[in-house]
Each structure stands twice: as structure tokens, then as C-alpha cells.
Amino acid sequence: MAARVEFPLGVSDSQPDDALTAFRLIETGQQEDLGCALVTVVDVIGGSARGTGTHMAVLADGRYCGYVSGGCVEAAIAAEALKAIEARRDQVLRIGWGSPLIDVRLPCGGGIDLHIHVAPDPVIVRAAIEAMEFREPFRIGYLPGECRLMFDQTLTAADTTGWVQDVFKRVYRPRTRLVLIGRGLEVETTARIAAVAGLEVIAYCADGETADAVYRNGAKAHWLSMPSDRPDFAIDPYTAVVFLFHDHEWELGLLCQVLREHEPFFVGALGSRRTHQMRIEALRLAGIAEALIDTIHGPVGLFGPTRDAASLAISVLGQVTQARERADSPTGT
């Protein structure tokens, strides 16, 4: 009997809808000498809650994780994957519209094609885990005709998930890292909501109380003891940086450091339009190039003005998510 693996909410590396979780479960099964299957959405017909490339992982003892729909058909898919594991044979399965499983339907009325790959190569499973843990982009090619996988890290910005002739290529890019720099309730609340949403959160806090609160809610936190501190920020191209200061004497030096030394896909800063204009003038006086100043989203947030920390957090995370979607799009739109 199939049983979903339960993961604690709010733990950033244990999201059941995350590819890393699926590969980790498969590796666990391999270490326990269990049969395993990696289930991947390779085509979508009509409407679907998930897109191509979405994964489930299924073990021969019935454990599984991941979502390829809204949660309504995963148990049935896991049961079919168990049959494939027992038969030791890959399978392509249609769920929903046009499926032979007439009692398994998607509420949206569409259909999905699933590639059930049994006995994934442990070397590729380990390589995928390490690439995700080290935040390195990669792709895995699925060759249904040969019942095997390919792994490579020669990606370009234009590469996308989908079929290339007879190979389904799944592109993996690091999940969004959110670097928060500031203090107070806005930092605490944004960190908490972002962690639950599955983002990797690192907060650099201008007081110990904020750092302690962020840490208690499951995110990483560093304490900046004075405005002149210049930390070694953990920022890569898949990072969004958001400044949440009301006391802007802390902000200028740290903002200059981020703009000069790093290339995050998003930089945002709290404050009114008047505050942002003052920020721009201060950055110009500090010698920051106009092109870098133009990358700052200020006032930060998809909507506003907001009057409470939760609304601000939702507004900021919505804007960050929108920017990441655009950054990952080959057309940039």
C-alpha cells in the first residue's frame, strides 16, 4: 500500500513538492536496497495543476513523495509505479483525459503523461542531489526507448524543460534564495512566510532580537553589530536581495556592497517614493553606476502601500516570484 512521506512544514530543505526531496527519497530507498521509481510529468494535455518536469518518487515499500497534480491522484500514480517497480520495467502512463484508468480523473478535465523510470542510476541520483545542494544548474535527459537517464551541466539561459526529438530534457535551476537585510517585524514576518513557501532564506539582521526570531522560525540568521559591518553575503544569480530598514543609516553601505560585488536577479528596498528618490541620490554620490541603480525595486513590493508586516511580506514575495519567473524565461517576459 502506498503511503505519502510526511515532511515538517517550514523546513526549507524538506518541501514535498521539491525535486531535491524526491531525489533524496530515491537515494534513501537505494541505500535500503529497495526498488525505486522516479515519476516525471513529460506532457500536459489541457489544464493541469503542475507543469512538465514535475516529479514524484516512489519506493517499493510504498513510501512516496511529490505532487504531479493538486494531490487528488498521487496515491493512484504511486500504486501504478509500484507495479512498474515489481515488473522492473519503465512505463509511460496517461492520467486524466484519454487514460485507460477511467476511475482516475483530474478535476481540471485535462490529462498528463507520466514517465515512470524504475531503478534510476545511483550515480545520476547522487550527482543531481549534489548539484542541487551546491546550487548548480543541470539537466537530466530521459530516454524512454532506452530506459535510461543522462546527466549534464552544459546549460545555457535559453534551455528549457521539454522534448527534444526522442529525449525528454528536464532542466533544474537552483531554487530562489531570499537574502533579507534589515531589522524588526518586517524581516521576521517575511522570513517566516518565505520559508514556509519553500524559499531558502538567509537574514542579515541589525539587531540580535530579529536574528533570534528569524532563527527560531527555521531560517538562517546573522547579526550585524554595527552599520559599518560588511558581511560575506551568500548571493548568487538565483538570489533575491531585499532591504527592510526603517533606519536608513544602515542601508547605504550595505546596498553599495551588494550592487558592486554581486549580481542577484532582484534587489528591492523598503520605503516611500520620496525615500527611494533620496536613496538614488545617495547612491549616485557614492559613485554607483546608473545602470545598477536602475535595477533596484523601490519601493519594494508588488502592491502598496502596505500598513502591516504580513501584507508587506506577501507583496514582496509576489514581486520576487514574478521576477524569478521572468529571469527563468528564455524571452525574459
C-alpha atoms as a PDB file:
ATOM      1  CA  MET A   1       0.000   0.000   0.000  1.00  0.00           C
ATOM      2  CA  ALA A   2       1.362   3.418  -0.953  1.00  0.00           C
ATOM      3  CA  ALA A   3       1.899   5.962   1.827  1.00  0.00           C
ATOM      4  CA  ARG A   4       2.913   9.573   1.383  1.00  0.00           C
ATOM      5  CA  VAL A   5       6.035  10.645   3.242  1.00  0.00           C
ATOM      6  CA  GLU A   6       5.222  13.465   5.652  1.00  0.00           C
ATOM      7  CA  PHE A   7       7.652  16.372   5.911  1.00  0.00           C
ATOM      8  CA  PRO A   8       7.648  19.135   8.548  1.00  0.00           C
ATOM      9  CA  LEU A   9       6.222  22.427   7.368  1.00  0.00           C
ATOM     10  CA  GLY A  10       8.547  25.379   7.316  1.00  0.00           C
ATOM     11  CA  VAL A  11      11.746  23.370   6.894  1.00  0.00           C
ATOM     12  CA  SER A  12      13.311  24.794   3.773  1.00  0.00           C
ATOM     13  CA  ASP A  13      15.049  21.622   2.597  1.00  0.00           C
ATOM     14  CA  SER A  14      12.069  19.321   3.164  1.00  0.00           C
ATOM     15  CA  GLN A  15       9.357  20.572   0.847  1.00  0.00           C
ATOM     16  CA  PRO A  16       7.334  17.636  -0.524  1.00  0.00           C
ATOM     17  CA  ASP A  17       6.847  19.483  -3.815  1.00  0.00           C
ATOM     18  CA  ASP A  18      10.581  19.864  -4.397  1.00  0.00           C
ATOM     19  CA  ALA A  19      12.821  17.890  -6.775  1.00  0.00           C
ATOM     20  CA  LEU A  20      15.567  17.623  -4.163  1.00  0.00           C
ATOM     21  CA  THR A  21      13.190  15.874  -1.785  1.00  0.00           C
ATOM     22  CA  ALA A  22      12.260  13.362  -4.491  1.00  0.00           C
ATOM     23  CA  PHE A  23      15.880  12.532  -5.300  1.00  0.00           C
ATOM     24  CA  ARG A  24      16.745  12.245  -1.618  1.00  0.00           C
ATOM     25  CA  LEU A  25      13.922   9.758  -1.089  1.00  0.00           C
ATOM     26  CA  ILE A  26      15.132   7.701  -4.049  1.00  0.00           C
ATOM     27  CA  GLU A  27      18.664   7.665  -2.643  1.00  0.00           C
ATOM     28  CA  THR A  28      17.270   6.563   0.722  1.00  0.00           C
ATOM     29  CA  GLY A  29      15.499   3.675  -0.999  1.00  0.00           C
ATOM     30  CA  GLN A  30      18.665   2.690  -2.842  1.00  0.00           C
ATOM     31  CA  GLN A  31      20.638   2.711   0.400  1.00  0.00           C
ATOM     32  CA  GLU A  32      17.977   0.455   1.907  1.00  0.00           C
ATOM     33  CA  ASP A  33      18.216  -1.858  -1.136  1.00  0.00           C
ATOM     34  CA  LEU A  34      14.646  -1.092  -2.190  1.00  0.00           C
ATOM     35  CA  GLY A  35      13.266  -0.799  -5.685  1.00  0.00           C
ATOM     36  CA  CYS A  36      12.618   2.818  -6.679  1.00  0.00           C
ATOM     37  CA  ALA A  37      10.840   4.793  -9.362  1.00  0.00           C
ATOM     38  CA  LEU A  38      11.221   8.383 -10.488  1.00  0.00           C
ATOM     39  CA  VAL A  39       7.926   9.632 -11.904  1.00  0.00           C
ATOM     40  CA  THR A  40       8.048  12.671 -14.196  1.00  0.00           C
ATOM     41  CA  VAL A  41       5.352  14.663 -15.983  1.00  0.00           C
ATOM     42  CA  VAL A  42       6.501  14.616 -19.615  1.00  0.00           C
ATOM     43  CA  ASP A  43       3.415  16.099 -21.267  1.00  0.00           C
ATOM     44  CA  VAL A  44       0.329  18.080 -20.302  1.00  0.00           C
ATOM     45  CA  ILE A  45      -2.944  17.892 -22.220  1.00  0.00           C
ATOM     46  CA  GLY A  46      -5.327  20.738 -21.499  1.00  0.00           C
ATOM     47  CA  GLY A  47      -5.310  22.051 -17.942  1.00  0.00           C
ATOM     48  CA  SER A  48      -3.114  20.732 -15.143  1.00  0.00           C
ATOM     49  CA  ALA A  49      -2.109  21.841 -11.665  1.00  0.00           C
ATOM     50  CA  ARG A  50       1.558  21.061 -12.415  1.00  0.00           C
ATOM     51  CA  GLY A  51       3.827  21.571 -15.377  1.00  0.00           C
ATOM     52  CA  THR A  52       6.133  19.314 -17.350  1.00  0.00           C
ATOM     53  CA  GLY A  53       9.149  18.121 -15.397  1.00  0.00           C
ATOM     54  CA  THR A  54       7.317  17.789 -12.086  1.00  0.00           C
ATOM     55  CA  HIS A  55       8.410  14.749 -10.079  1.00  0.00           C
ATOM     56  CA  MET A  56       7.209  12.076  -7.727  1.00  0.00           C
ATOM     57  CA  ALA A  57       9.462   9.494  -6.090  1.00  0.00           C
ATOM     58  CA  VAL A  58       8.113   6.060  -5.147  1.00  0.00           C
ATOM     59  CA  LEU A  59       9.790   3.267  -3.160  1.00  0.00           C
ATOM     60  CA  ALA A  60       8.950  -0.426  -3.279  1.00  0.00           C
ATOM     61  CA  ASP A  61       7.806  -0.378   0.359  1.00  0.00           C
ATOM     62  CA  GLY A  62       5.053   2.097  -0.540  1.00  0.00           C
ATOM     63  CA  ARG A  63       6.622   5.376   0.538  1.00  0.00           C
ATOM     64  CA  TYR A  64       6.306   8.231  -1.934  1.00  0.00           C
ATOM     65  CA  CYS A  65       6.614  11.988  -2.115  1.00  0.00           C
ATOM     66  CA  GLY A  66       5.992  14.776  -4.593  1.00  0.00           C
ATOM     67  CA  TYR A  67       2.950  16.125  -6.402  1.00  0.00           C
ATOM     68  CA  VAL A  68       2.143  15.829 -10.100  1.00  0.00           C
ATOM     69  CA  SER A  69      -1.380  17.190  -9.631  1.00  0.00           C
ATOM     70  CA  GLY A  70      -3.180  19.034  -6.880  1.00  0.00           C
ATOM     71  CA  GLY A  71      -2.966  15.981  -4.633  1.00  0.00           C
ATOM     72  CA  CYS A  72      -6.004  14.135  -5.985  1.00  0.00           C
ATOM     73  CA  VAL A  73      -4.345  11.334  -7.998  1.00  0.00           C
ATOM     74  CA  GLU A  74      -0.928  10.822  -6.400  1.00  0.00           C
ATOM     75  CA  ALA A  75      -1.909   7.697  -4.467  1.00  0.00           C
ATOM     76  CA  ALA A  76      -3.188   6.071  -7.664  1.00  0.00           C
ATOM     77  CA  ILE A  77       0.018   7.026  -9.507  1.00  0.00           C
ATOM     78  CA  ALA A  78       2.131   5.613  -6.684  1.00  0.00           C
ATOM     79  CA  ALA A  79       0.197   2.346  -6.967  1.00  0.00           C
ATOM     80  CA  GLU A  80       0.944   2.184 -10.700  1.00  0.00           C
ATOM     81  CA  ALA A  81       4.604   2.956 -10.004  1.00  0.00           C
ATOM     82  CA  LEU A  82       4.719   0.044  -7.558  1.00  0.00           C
ATOM     83  CA  LYS A  83       3.560  -2.245 -10.368  1.00  0.00           C
ATOM     84  CA  ALA A  84       6.317  -0.914 -12.627  1.00  0.00           C
ATOM     85  CA  ILE A  85       8.910  -1.443  -9.877  1.00  0.00           C
ATOM     86  CA  GLU A  86       7.739  -5.010  -9.374  1.00  0.00           C
ATOM     87  CA  ALA A  87       7.842  -5.673 -13.145  1.00  0.00           C
ATOM     88  CA  ARG A  88      11.256  -3.910 -13.378  1.00  0.00           C
ATOM     89  CA  ARG A  89      10.079  -2.127 -16.484  1.00  0.00           C
ATOM     90  CA  ASP A  90       9.667   1.556 -17.309  1.00  0.00           C
ATOM     91  CA  GLN A  91       6.212   2.740 -18.190  1.00  0.00           C
ATOM     92  CA  VAL A  92       4.524   5.754 -19.776  1.00  0.00           C
ATOM     93  CA  LEU A  93       1.202   6.373 -18.072  1.00  0.00           C
ATOM     94  CA  ARG A  94      -1.632   8.716 -19.076  1.00  0.00           C
ATOM     95  CA  ILE A  95      -3.693  10.135 -16.222  1.00  0.00           C
ATOM     96  CA  GLY A  96      -6.909  12.058 -16.833  1.00  0.00           C
ATOM     97  CA  TRP A  97      -8.232  12.756 -20.328  1.00  0.00           C
ATOM     98  CA  GLY A  98      -7.700   9.741 -22.597  1.00  0.00           C
ATOM     99  CA  SER A  99      -6.396   7.486 -19.827  1.00  0.00           C
ATOM    100  CA  PRO A 100      -7.265   3.771 -19.649  1.00  0.00           C
ATOM    101  CA  LEU A 101      -7.642   4.314 -15.891  1.00  0.00           C
ATOM    102  CA  ILE A 102     -11.213   5.507 -16.228  1.00  0.00           C
ATOM    103  CA  ASP A 103     -11.698   5.865 -12.469  1.00  0.00           C
ATOM    104  CA  VAL A 104      -8.741   8.245 -12.090  1.00  0.00           C
ATOM    105  CA  ARG A 105      -9.582  11.720 -13.296  1.00  0.00           C
ATOM    106  CA  LEU A 106      -8.076  15.179 -12.949  1.00  0.00           C
ATOM    107  CA  PRO A 107     -10.632  17.702 -11.629  1.00  0.00           C
ATOM    108  CA  CYS A 108      -9.497  20.247 -14.253  1.00  0.00           C
ATOM    109  CA  GLY A 109     -10.543  17.841 -17.015  1.00  0.00           C
ATOM    110  CA  GLY A 110      -7.103  17.718 -18.621  1.00  0.00           C
ATOM    111  CA  GLY A 111      -4.542  14.957 -18.817  1.00  0.00           C
ATOM    112  CA  ILE A 112      -0.890  14.324 -18.023  1.00  0.00           C
ATOM    113  CA  ASP A 113       1.589  11.823 -19.408  1.00  0.00           C
ATOM    114  CA  LEU A 114       3.946  10.378 -16.820  1.00  0.00           C
ATOM    115  CA  HIS A 115       7.257   8.638 -17.399  1.00  0.00           C
ATOM    116  CA  ILE A 116       7.815   6.043 -14.656  1.00  0.00           C
ATOM    117  CA  HIS A 117      11.524   5.254 -14.609  1.00  0.00           C
ATOM    118  CA  VAL A 118      12.438   2.304 -12.398  1.00  0.00           C
ATOM    119  CA  ALA A 119      15.881   1.717 -10.896  1.00  0.00           C
ATOM    120  CA  PRO A 120      17.395   5.164 -11.541  1.00  0.00           C
ATOM    121  CA  ASP A 121      21.173   5.139 -11.838  1.00  0.00           C
ATOM    122  CA  PRO A 122      22.562   5.826  -8.304  1.00  0.00           C
ATOM    123  CA  VAL A 123      25.432   7.825  -9.809  1.00  0.00           C
ATOM    124  CA  ILE A 124      22.977  10.196 -11.516  1.00  0.00           C
ATOM    125  CA  VAL A 125      20.806  10.401  -8.396  1.00  0.00           C
ATOM    126  CA  ARG A 126      23.846  11.420  -6.309  1.00  0.00           C
ATOM    127  CA  ALA A 127      25.025  13.884  -8.971  1.00  0.00           C
ATOM    128  CA  ALA A 128      21.586  15.517  -9.039  1.00  0.00           C
ATOM    129  CA  ILE A 129      21.485  15.817  -5.243  1.00  0.00           C
ATOM    130  CA  GLU A 130      24.946  17.354  -5.097  1.00  0.00           C
ATOM    131  CA  ALA A 131      24.174  19.835  -7.871  1.00  0.00           C
ATOM    132  CA  MET A 132      21.011  20.963  -6.095  1.00  0.00           C
ATOM    133  CA  GLU A 133      22.738  21.200  -2.731  1.00  0.00           C
ATOM    134  CA  PHE A 134      25.566  23.271  -4.230  1.00  0.00           C
ATOM    135  CA  ARG A 135      23.096  25.394  -6.213  1.00  0.00           C
ATOM    136  CA  GLU A 136      24.432  24.396  -9.611  1.00  0.00           C
ATOM    137  CA  PRO A 137      22.120  24.222 -12.663  1.00  0.00           C
ATOM    138  CA  PHE A 138      21.948  20.958 -14.585  1.00  0.00           C
ATOM    139  CA  ARG A 139      19.629  18.815 -16.662  1.00  0.00           C
ATOM    140  CA  ILE A 140      18.655  15.187 -16.882  1.00  0.00           C
ATOM    141  CA  GLY A 141      17.689  13.595 -20.161  1.00  0.00           C
ATOM    142  CA  TYR A 142      15.115  10.806 -20.071  1.00  0.00           C
ATOM    143  CA  LEU A 143      15.382   8.294 -22.927  1.00  0.00           C
ATOM    144  CA  PRO A 144      12.177   6.225 -22.791  1.00  0.00           C
ATOM    145  CA  GLY A 145      13.285   3.996 -25.678  1.00  0.00           C
ATOM    146  CA  GLU A 146      16.464   3.010 -23.835  1.00  0.00           C
ATOM    147  CA  CYS A 147      15.076   3.129 -20.286  1.00  0.00           C
ATOM    148  CA  ARG A 148      17.952   5.250 -19.027  1.00  0.00           C
ATOM    149  CA  LEU A 149      18.890   8.738 -17.882  1.00  0.00           C
ATOM    150  CA  MET A 150      21.600  11.193 -18.916  1.00  0.00           C
ATOM    151  CA  PHE A 151      23.109  13.918 -16.713  1.00  0.00           C
ATOM    152  CA  ASP A 152      24.899  17.064 -17.864  1.00  0.00           C
ATOM    153  CA  GLN A 153      25.656  20.594 -16.670  1.00  0.00           C
ATOM    154  CA  THR A 154      26.232  22.298 -20.026  1.00  0.00           C
ATOM    155  CA  LEU A 155      23.211  24.580 -19.807  1.00  0.00           C
ATOM    156  CA  THR A 156      22.527  27.936 -21.399  1.00  0.00           C
ATOM    157  CA  ALA A 157      19.989  30.540 -20.315  1.00  0.00           C
ATOM    158  CA  ALA A 158      17.781  29.510 -23.245  1.00  0.00           C
ATOM    159  CA  ASP A 159      17.495  25.847 -22.232  1.00  0.00           C
ATOM    160  CA  THR A 160      14.024  24.789 -21.115  1.00  0.00           C
ATOM    161  CA  THR A 161      12.281  21.621 -19.989  1.00  0.00           C
ATOM    162  CA  GLY A 162      10.666  19.616 -22.763  1.00  0.00           C
ATOM    163  CA  TRP A 163      11.056  17.111 -25.564  1.00  0.00           C
ATOM    164  CA  VAL A 164      13.991  17.305 -27.961  1.00  0.00           C
ATOM    165  CA  GLN A 165      13.236  14.651 -30.581  1.00  0.00           C
ATOM    166  CA  ASP A 166      13.008  11.388 -28.596  1.00  0.00           C
ATOM    167  CA  VAL A 167      14.624  12.719 -25.416  1.00  0.00           C
ATOM    168  CA  PHE A 168      12.773  14.487 -22.612  1.00  0.00           C
ATOM    169  CA  LYS A 169      15.150  17.010 -21.069  1.00  0.00           C
ATOM    170  CA  ARG A 170      14.372  18.251 -17.603  1.00  0.00           C
ATOM    171  CA  VAL A 171      16.204  21.469 -16.659  1.00  0.00           C
ATOM    172  CA  TYR A 172      16.958  22.093 -12.988  1.00  0.00           C
ATOM    173  CA  ARG A 173      17.936  25.514 -11.728  1.00  0.00           C
ATOM    174  CA  PRO A 174      18.553  26.421  -8.073  1.00  0.00           C
ATOM    175  CA  ARG A 175      15.505  27.404  -6.098  1.00  0.00           C
ATOM    176  CA  THR A 176      15.166  31.017  -5.105  1.00  0.00           C
ATOM    177  CA  ARG A 177      17.351  32.165  -2.238  1.00  0.00           C
ATOM    178  CA  LEU A 178      15.990  35.186  -0.386  1.00  0.00           C
ATOM    179  CA  VAL A 179      18.533  37.385   1.390  1.00  0.00           C
ATOM    180  CA  LEU A 180      16.879  39.782   3.817  1.00  0.00           C
ATOM    181  CA  ILE A 181      18.882  42.695   5.227  1.00  0.00           C
ATOM    182  CA  GLY A 182      17.253  44.786   7.927  1.00  0.00           C
ATOM    183  CA  ARG A 183      15.608  44.618  11.300  1.00  0.00           C
ATOM    184  CA  GLY A 184      12.273  44.265  13.020  1.00  0.00           C
ATOM    185  CA  LEU A 185       8.897  42.679  12.390  1.00  0.00           C
ATOM    186  CA  GLU A 186       9.082  43.067   8.587  1.00  0.00           C
ATOM    187  CA  VAL A 187      12.194  40.893   8.450  1.00  0.00           C
ATOM    188  CA  GLU A 188      10.784  38.310  10.873  1.00  0.00           C
ATOM    189  CA  THR A 189       7.447  38.020   9.034  1.00  0.00           C
ATOM    190  CA  THR A 190       8.916  37.932   5.526  1.00  0.00           C
ATOM    191  CA  ALA A 191      11.425  35.284   6.575  1.00  0.00           C
ATOM    192  CA  ARG A 192       8.726  33.115   8.148  1.00  0.00           C
ATOM    193  CA  ILE A 193       6.346  33.238   5.172  1.00  0.00           C
ATOM    194  CA  ALA A 194       9.167  32.747   2.645  1.00  0.00           C
ATOM    195  CA  ALA A 195      10.487  29.686   4.496  1.00  0.00           C
ATOM    196  CA  VAL A 196       7.048  28.064   4.516  1.00  0.00           C
ATOM    197  CA  ALA A 197       6.766  28.825   0.788  1.00  0.00           C
ATOM    198  CA  GLY A 198       9.950  26.819   0.168  1.00  0.00           C
ATOM    199  CA  LEU A 199      12.454  29.603  -0.424  1.00  0.00           C
ATOM    200  CA  GLU A 200      15.907  29.362   1.077  1.00  0.00           C
ATOM    201  CA  VAL A 201      16.061  32.288   3.489  1.00  0.00           C
ATOM    202  CA  ILE A 202      19.149  33.985   4.900  1.00  0.00           C
ATOM    203  CA  ALA A 203      18.661  37.092   7.027  1.00  0.00           C
ATOM    204  CA  TYR A 204      21.326  39.627   7.971  1.00  0.00           C
ATOM    205  CA  CYS A 205      19.824  41.428  10.936  1.00  0.00           C
ATOM    206  CA  ALA A 206      20.744  44.744  12.506  1.00  0.00           C
ATOM    207  CA  ASP A 207      19.834  43.529  15.988  1.00  0.00           C
ATOM    208  CA  GLY A 208      20.075  40.297  17.929  1.00  0.00           C
ATOM    209  CA  GLU A 209      16.340  40.115  18.671  1.00  0.00           C
ATOM    210  CA  THR A 210      15.440  39.992  14.976  1.00  0.00           C
ATOM    211  CA  ALA A 211      18.173  37.437  14.288  1.00  0.00           C
ATOM    212  CA  ASP A 212      16.911  35.223  17.130  1.00  0.00           C
ATOM    213  CA  ALA A 213      13.308  35.440  15.898  1.00  0.00           C
ATOM    214  CA  VAL A 214      14.294  34.541  12.329  1.00  0.00           C
ATOM    215  CA  TYR A 215      16.373  31.590  13.541  1.00  0.00           C
ATOM    216  CA  ARG A 216      13.540  30.276  15.719  1.00  0.00           C
ATOM    217  CA  ASN A 217      11.303  30.225  12.627  1.00  0.00           C
ATOM    218  CA  GLY A 218      13.667  27.921  10.739  1.00  0.00           C
ATOM    219  CA  ALA A 219      15.736  30.315   8.613  1.00  0.00           C
ATOM    220  CA  LYS A 220      19.422  31.181   8.741  1.00  0.00           C
ATOM    221  CA  ALA A 221      20.262  34.423  10.511  1.00  0.00           C
ATOM    222  CA  HIS A 222      23.367  36.570  11.000  1.00  0.00           C
ATOM    223  CA  TRP A 223      23.691  39.502  13.380  1.00  0.00           C
ATOM    224  CA  LEU A 224      25.183  42.741  12.066  1.00  0.00           C
ATOM    225  CA  SER A 225      26.537  44.568  15.113  1.00  0.00           C
ATOM    226  CA  MET A 226      27.077  47.998  13.509  1.00  0.00           C
ATOM    227  CA  PRO A 227      26.324  49.861  10.254  1.00  0.00           C
ATOM    228  CA  SER A 228      29.952  49.549   9.121  1.00  0.00           C
ATOM    229  CA  ASP A 229      29.789  45.732   9.088  1.00  0.00           C
ATOM    230  CA  ARG A 230      30.401  44.262   5.641  1.00  0.00           C
ATOM    231  CA  PRO A 231      29.416  40.569   5.753  1.00  0.00           C
ATOM    232  CA  ASP A 232      30.328  37.955   3.185  1.00  0.00           C
ATOM    233  CA  PHE A 233      26.861  37.815   1.648  1.00  0.00           C
ATOM    234  CA  ALA A 234      25.642  34.465   0.297  1.00  0.00           C
ATOM    235  CA  ILE A 235      24.405  35.866  -3.019  1.00  0.00           C
ATOM    236  CA  ASP A 236      24.389  34.130  -6.415  1.00  0.00           C
ATOM    237  CA  PRO A 237      22.438  34.747  -9.658  1.00  0.00           C
ATOM    238  CA  TYR A 238      19.443  32.865  -8.213  1.00  0.00           C
ATOM    239  CA  THR A 239      19.222  35.158  -5.173  1.00  0.00           C
ATOM    240  CA  ALA A 240      16.804  37.969  -4.432  1.00  0.00           C
ATOM    241  CA  VAL A 241      18.053  40.629  -2.007  1.00  0.00           C
ATOM    242  CA  VAL A 242      15.563  42.737  -0.066  1.00  0.00           C
ATOM    243  CA  PHE A 243      16.489  45.606   2.248  1.00  0.00           C
ATOM    244  CA  LEU A 244      13.982  46.119   5.057  1.00  0.00           C
ATOM    245  CA  PHE A 245      15.292  49.059   7.037  1.00  0.00           C
ATOM    246  CA  HIS A 246      13.335  51.927   8.511  1.00  0.00           C
ATOM    247  CA  ASP A 247      16.609  53.333   9.868  1.00  0.00           C
ATOM    248  CA  HIS A 248      18.329  54.067   6.574  1.00  0.00           C
ATOM    249  CA  GLU A 249      21.742  54.920   8.033  1.00  0.00           C
ATOM    250  CA  TRP A 250      22.337  51.159   7.985  1.00  0.00           C
ATOM    251  CA  GLU A 251      21.282  50.739   4.396  1.00  0.00           C
ATOM    252  CA  LEU A 252      23.577  52.748   2.128  1.00  0.00           C
ATOM    253  CA  GLY A 253      26.883  50.981   2.723  1.00  0.00           C
ATOM    254  CA  LEU A 254      25.354  47.517   2.580  1.00  0.00           C
ATOM    255  CA  LEU A 255      23.370  48.368  -0.555  1.00  0.00           C
ATOM    256  CA  CYS A 256      26.513  49.685  -2.245  1.00  0.00           C
ATOM    257  CA  GLN A 257      28.310  46.461  -1.326  1.00  0.00           C
ATOM    258  CA  VAL A 258      25.570  44.290  -2.860  1.00  0.00           C
ATOM    259  CA  LEU A 259      25.420  46.333  -6.073  1.00  0.00           C
ATOM    260  CA  ARG A 260      29.193  46.444  -6.533  1.00  0.00           C
ATOM    261  CA  GLU A 261      30.105  42.884  -5.598  1.00  0.00           C
ATOM    262  CA  HIS A 262      27.143  40.706  -6.580  1.00  0.00           C
ATOM    263  CA  GLU A 263      24.646  40.051  -9.377  1.00  0.00           C
ATOM    264  CA  PRO A 264      21.381  38.900  -7.806  1.00  0.00           C
ATOM    265  CA  PHE A 265      18.368  38.620 -10.082  1.00  0.00           C
ATOM    266  CA  PHE A 266      16.426  41.004  -7.827  1.00  0.00           C
ATOM    267  CA  VAL A 267      17.223  43.872  -5.467  1.00  0.00           C
ATOM    268  CA  GLY A 268      14.469  45.636  -3.550  1.00  0.00           C
ATOM    269  CA  ALA A 269      14.366  48.203  -0.773  1.00  0.00           C
ATOM    270  CA  LEU A 270      11.699  49.348   1.661  1.00  0.00           C
ATOM    271  CA  GLY A 271      10.498  52.946   1.813  1.00  0.00           C
ATOM    272  CA  SER A 272       8.260  55.527   0.245  1.00  0.00           C
ATOM    273  CA  ARG A 273       8.785  57.001  -3.208  1.00  0.00           C
ATOM    274  CA  ARG A 274      10.372  60.029  -1.564  1.00  0.00           C
ATOM    275  CA  THR A 275      12.688  57.768   0.421  1.00  0.00           C
ATOM    276  CA  HIS A 276      13.633  55.917  -2.733  1.00  0.00           C
ATOM    277  CA  GLN A 277      14.471  59.159  -4.535  1.00  0.00           C
ATOM    278  CA  MET A 278      16.738  60.103  -1.634  1.00  0.00           C
ATOM    279  CA  ARG A 279      18.287  56.623  -1.855  1.00  0.00           C
ATOM    280  CA  ILE A 280      19.004  57.112  -5.552  1.00  0.00           C
ATOM    281  CA  GLU A 281      20.713  60.449  -4.907  1.00  0.00           C
ATOM    282  CA  ALA A 282      22.845  58.922  -2.136  1.00  0.00           C
ATOM    283  CA  LEU A 283      23.892  56.050  -4.390  1.00  0.00           C
ATOM    284  CA  ARG A 284      24.878  58.480  -7.141  1.00  0.00           C
ATOM    285  CA  LEU A 285      27.018  60.427  -4.684  1.00  0.00           C
ATOM    286  CA  ALA A 286      28.605  57.129  -3.627  1.00  0.00           C
ATOM    287  CA  GLY A 287      29.656  56.501  -7.237  1.00  0.00           C
ATOM    288  CA  ILE A 288      27.219  53.686  -8.063  1.00  0.00           C
ATOM    289  CA  ALA A 289      26.595  53.359 -11.794  1.00  0.00           C
ATOM    290  CA  GLU A 290      23.195  54.466 -13.035  1.00  0.00           C
ATOM    291  CA  ALA A 291      22.588  51.067 -14.641  1.00  0.00           C
ATOM    292  CA  LEU A 292      22.969  49.383 -11.235  1.00  0.00           C
ATOM    293  CA  ILE A 293      20.749  51.933  -9.507  1.00  0.00           C
ATOM    294  CA  ASP A 294      18.043  51.242 -12.094  1.00  0.00           C
ATOM    295  CA  THR A 295      17.932  47.568 -11.058  1.00  0.00           C
ATOM    296  CA  ILE A 296      16.599  48.439  -7.590  1.00  0.00           C
ATOM    297  CA  HIS A 297      12.892  47.857  -6.997  1.00  0.00           C
ATOM    298  CA  GLY A 298      11.854  50.708  -4.749  1.00  0.00           C
ATOM    299  CA  PRO A 299       9.552  50.958  -3.027  1.00  0.00           C
ATOM    300  CA  VAL A 300       9.733  47.150  -2.944  1.00  0.00           C
ATOM    301  CA  GLY A 301       6.547  45.135  -3.374  1.00  0.00           C
ATOM    302  CA  LEU A 302       4.052  44.087  -5.998  1.00  0.00           C
ATOM    303  CA  PHE A 303       1.378  46.281  -4.486  1.00  0.00           C
ATOM    304  CA  GLY A 304       1.285  49.032  -1.928  1.00  0.00           C
ATOM    305  CA  PRO A 305       1.459  50.949   0.187  1.00  0.00           C
ATOM    306  CA  THR A 306       1.049  48.329   2.920  1.00  0.00           C
ATOM    307  CA  ARG A 307       0.433  49.030   6.588  1.00  0.00           C
ATOM    308  CA  ASP A 308       1.257  45.717   8.229  1.00  0.00           C
ATOM    309  CA  ALA A 309       4.150  43.266   8.092  1.00  0.00           C
ATOM    310  CA  ALA A 310       2.177  40.337   6.653  1.00  0.00           C
ATOM    311  CA  SER A 311       0.836  42.370   3.725  1.00  0.00           C
ATOM    312  CA  LEU A 312       4.310  43.705   3.022  1.00  0.00           C
ATOM    313  CA  ALA A 313       5.758  40.172   3.082  1.00  0.00           C
ATOM    314  CA  ILE A 314       3.157  38.911   0.614  1.00  0.00           C
ATOM    315  CA  SER A 315       3.701  41.931  -1.624  1.00  0.00           C
ATOM    316  CA  VAL A 316       7.491  41.450  -1.595  1.00  0.00           C
ATOM    317  CA  LEU A 317       7.354  37.693  -2.182  1.00  0.00           C
ATOM    318  CA  GLY A 318       4.893  38.178  -5.041  1.00  0.00           C
ATOM    319  CA  GLN A 319       7.276  40.596  -6.729  1.00  0.00           C
ATOM    320  CA  VAL A 320      10.271  38.329  -6.143  1.00  0.00           C
ATOM    321  CA  THR A 321       8.380  35.347  -7.578  1.00  0.00           C
ATOM    322  CA  GLN A 322       7.342  37.355 -10.628  1.00  0.00           C
ATOM    323  CA  ALA A 323      10.941  38.479 -11.197  1.00  0.00           C
ATOM    324  CA  ARG A 324      12.249  34.921 -10.895  1.00  0.00           C
ATOM    325  CA  GLU A 325       9.703  33.654 -13.413  1.00  0.00           C
ATOM    326  CA  ARG A 326      10.831  36.339 -15.844  1.00  0.00           C
ATOM    327  CA  ALA A 327      14.513  35.618 -15.182  1.00  0.00           C
ATOM    328  CA  ASP A 328      13.989  31.913 -15.947  1.00  0.00           C
ATOM    329  CA  SER A 329      12.027  32.605 -19.116  1.00  0.00           C
ATOM    330  CA  PRO A 330      14.113  32.397 -22.323  1.00  0.00           C
ATOM    331  CA  THR A 331      12.392  35.565 -23.558  1.00  0.00           C
ATOM    332  CA  GLY A 332      12.695  37.379 -20.259  1.00  0.00           C
ATOM    333  CA  THR A 333       8.957  38.070 -20.105  1.00  0.00           C
END
